[in-house]
Amino acid sequence: MSKLPPPLSPSAAAASYAEGLAWQENQQYETALACYARAAALQPDYAEAHWKHGNMLRLLGRPQQALNSYAQAIAVRPDYAIAFNSLANTQLSLGQYQAALASYDQAVNLQPNYAEAFNNRGIALQNLGLYPAALASFQQAIALQPNLANAYNNCGLALKALGRHDEELACYARAIALQPNFAEAYNNQGNALQNLKQYQPALTSYAQALALNPHYVKAYFNLGGVLQLLQRDTEALRCYEKALGLKADYADAWLQTGHILHRLQRPAEALPAFEQALALKPDQAAVYLSCGLAFNDLKQYPAALAKFTQAAALQPDNPAAYNNCGMTLLEMQRYPEALT
């Protein structure tokens, strides 16, 4: 009779886990994933191996599978606060905000000094529209870890939602002081300054965000918006072009490009920009209106009328849609219809 193989010792699982750490350090995530899987198979109650397995799955873009690994880590070790935080982060990335909040609550109940979990919990609350509670969670994170720049940035976003713009600005300034290369905080600072109509300082903030991250699409768009408000149209167009070069399906950048070209009385160039925006946002009445205006400028009245009619269908309480319909019918000499 053949002998059964001897059971593998926990040290074999530990060796696989250590190997996984080494591969992870070298950014060989698939190999690291296999090592953590082997460690968990060799020692099913190895909570850290399940947790690391979940982390690799997230890095590799497999969040649904990551949820299972985190759940296994928690099943083995129900007091594993960091696994609850990782589970919640994954749920948050999947738009499961209520589930994420419950998991963050577990993390902070298990580890009341867990600043990162309080910060992440605030993000879940923000996504649920619970801004005062989100602000309180960010403030708790800061109380626990006063140098947590991201918590100050998030605090600013919560204050923005609550209309407390002066306090919002102070939070971004603190985030930047703690982390001078924090491009997102500079961008958010620019937004706050823009809301306060402090356009020149806003331009400086957006420029700083872009100096730190030249691929920051939103900062190019926001910079373009302020330049547009200042009627520096050529510079604004360049910003929108940069944004579209990085993200070709950026509907709002196409729309604002069209608006500038329309204002510059270049309807033949504005129309393709509006049509791009329309292809990306086919349910937005404002985009149909803009497209219709460009057709009107080109004296393509039937096409203009079709766009204005569609805008009215999408937004029946929009007087501009009906007014433009009427004006276009007059241009087409369809007087009885224009008067109805």
Foldseek 3Di string as FASTA:
>chain_A
DDDDDDQDDLVQLVVLQVVLVVCVVVVVLVSSLVSLVVSCVSPVLPLVSLQVNLVSCVVVPNLVVSLVSLVSSCVSPVLPLVSLQSNLVSCVVVVVLVSSLVSLVSNCVSPVLPLVSLQVNLVSCVSVVNLVSSLVSLVSSCVSPVLPLSSLQSNLVSCVSVVNLVSSLVSLVSSCVSPVLPLVSLQVNLVSCVVVVVLVSSLVSLVSSCVSPVLPLVSLQSNLVSCVVVVVLVSSLVSLVSSCVNPVLPLVSLQVNLVSCVVVVNLVVSLVSLVSSCVNPVLALVSLQSNLVSCVSVVVLVSSLVSLVVSCVSPVVDVSSLQSNLVSCVVVVVNVVSVD
